[in-house]
Amino acid sequence: MEIYAQIAAVNQSHIGSNYIRHMIECFNIKTDQGIYPCIVHKPGAASLCQLWCMYPDRRLPPQVIKVVLKHLIPALDFLHRVAGVIHTGIYLLFPFLHTSIHDT
């Protein structure tokens, strides 16, 4: 949750700020098994995994990849250069990028 506070504390005028999910609220839930943090966001669109599964051959068309990258690159730039956060989950995209974005 500290990362969300770090992101919220920086200038949000960078275009990439529009492409990340900002935390609305956070709270803890206590159970007999422990304490679990909960983070509340605005509803999001389909994840890349859900989008990927919509295609029978599990390949995103080049036009979809272009849209994803058009949002992903500014978001990562904002996180890295403005907020000082390094996102290490980019490897999750590799299975979805089976084709060159130049293929049409």
Protein backbone atom coordinates (compact mmCIF):
# COMPACT_ATOMS: atom_id res chain seq x y z
CA MET A 1 0.00 0.00 0.00
CA GLU A 2 3.02 2.24 0.41
CA ILE A 3 3.48 2.26 -3.36
CA TYR A 4 -0.04 3.64 -3.85
CA ALA A 5 0.75 6.43 -1.38
CA GLN A 6 3.99 7.13 -3.25
CA ILE A 7 2.11 7.33 -6.57
CA ALA A 8 -0.60 9.58 -5.08
CA ALA A 9 2.02 11.97 -3.68
CA VAL A 10 3.54 12.90 -7.07
CA ASN A 11 2.41 15.26 -9.81
CA GLN A 12 -0.44 13.59 -11.73
CA SER A 13 -0.19 15.78 -14.85
CA HIS A 14 1.87 13.16 -16.76
CA ILE A 15 -0.33 11.48 -19.41
CA GLY A 16 0.64 8.05 -18.10
CA SER A 17 -1.11 8.77 -14.80
CA ASN A 18 -4.41 8.36 -16.67
CA TYR A 19 -3.57 4.75 -17.55
CA ILE A 20 -2.92 3.34 -14.09
CA ARG A 21 -5.43 2.31 -11.46
CA HIS A 22 -5.26 4.65 -8.51
CA MET A 23 -6.25 3.47 -5.06
CA ILE A 24 -9.54 4.92 -3.78
CA GLU A 25 -9.39 3.41 -0.32
CA CYS A 26 -7.66 0.70 1.66
CA PHE A 27 -8.59 -1.21 4.78
CA ASN A 28 -7.78 -4.43 6.60
CA ILE A 29 -10.01 -7.41 7.19
CA LYS A 30 -9.30 -9.44 10.31
CA THR A 31 -10.10 -13.14 10.37
CA ASP A 32 -9.06 -16.06 12.52
CA GLN A 33 -6.38 -16.81 9.89
CA GLY A 34 -4.83 -13.33 9.95
CA ILE A 35 -5.15 -9.77 8.72
CA TYR A 36 -5.68 -9.18 5.01
CA PRO A 37 -5.20 -5.82 3.29
CA CYS A 38 -7.93 -4.78 0.82
CA ILE A 39 -7.44 -2.13 -1.85
CA VAL A 40 -10.40 -0.45 -3.56
CA HIS A 41 -10.07 0.73 -7.19
CA LYS A 42 -12.54 2.01 -9.74
CA PRO A 43 -13.86 -0.86 -11.88
CA GLY A 44 -11.43 -1.75 -14.61
CA ALA A 45 -11.74 -3.13 -18.10
CA ALA A 46 -10.83 -6.66 -19.10
CA SER A 47 -7.33 -7.73 -18.13
CA LEU A 48 -4.82 -8.70 -20.79
CA CYS A 49 -5.29 -12.31 -19.79
CA GLN A 50 -9.07 -12.06 -20.26
CA LEU A 51 -8.58 -10.30 -23.58
CA TRP A 52 -6.06 -12.90 -24.69
CA CYS A 53 -8.52 -15.71 -23.88
CA MET A 54 -11.19 -14.14 -26.11
CA TYR A 55 -9.17 -15.05 -29.21
CA PRO A 56 -9.39 -18.72 -30.28
CA ASP A 57 -5.74 -18.93 -31.33
CA ARG A 58 -4.60 -17.03 -28.20
CA ARG A 59 -2.97 -14.34 -30.33
CA LEU A 60 -3.82 -10.70 -29.98
CA PRO A 61 -4.25 -8.99 -33.34
CA PRO A 62 -1.64 -6.33 -34.16
CA GLN A 63 -4.22 -3.53 -33.85
CA VAL A 64 -5.03 -4.65 -30.28
CA ILE A 65 -1.35 -4.86 -29.37
CA LYS A 66 -0.86 -1.32 -30.67
CA VAL A 67 -3.65 -0.01 -28.42
CA VAL A 68 -2.28 -1.89 -25.41
CA LEU A 69 1.23 -0.53 -25.97
CA LYS A 70 -0.12 2.99 -26.58
CA HIS A 71 -1.42 2.93 -22.98
CA LEU A 72 1.20 0.70 -21.36
CA ILE A 73 4.29 2.68 -22.37
CA PRO A 74 3.12 6.05 -20.97
CA ALA A 75 1.86 4.31 -17.80
CA LEU A 76 5.25 2.68 -17.21
CA ASP A 77 7.01 5.96 -18.01
CA PHE A 78 4.88 7.74 -15.39
CA LEU A 79 5.52 5.06 -12.79
CA HIS A 80 9.27 5.03 -13.43
CA ARG A 81 10.22 8.64 -14.12
CA VAL A 82 7.62 10.54 -12.08
CA ALA A 83 6.60 8.22 -9.25
CA GLY A 84 9.93 6.40 -8.91
CA VAL A 85 8.22 3.00 -9.04
CA ILE A 86 9.66 0.13 -11.04
CA HIS A 87 6.99 -2.27 -12.29
CA THR A 88 8.49 -5.73 -12.54
CA GLY A 89 5.48 -7.61 -13.93
CA ILE A 90 6.08 -6.79 -17.60
CA TYR A 91 7.10 -10.41 -18.25
CA LEU A 92 3.38 -11.22 -18.01
CA LEU A 93 2.91 -9.56 -21.40
CA PHE A 94 5.31 -11.80 -23.30
CA PRO A 95 2.87 -14.69 -23.86
CA PHE A 96 0.41 -12.23 -25.42
CA LEU A 97 2.84 -10.67 -27.88
CA HIS A 98 3.25 -13.51 -30.36
CA THR A 99 3.27 -11.31 -33.42
CA SER A 100 5.12 -8.22 -34.51
CA ILE A 101 3.13 -5.01 -34.19
CA HIS A 102 4.25 -4.24 -37.75
CA ASP A 103 2.40 -7.24 -39.19
CA THR A 104 -0.97 -6.31 -40.65
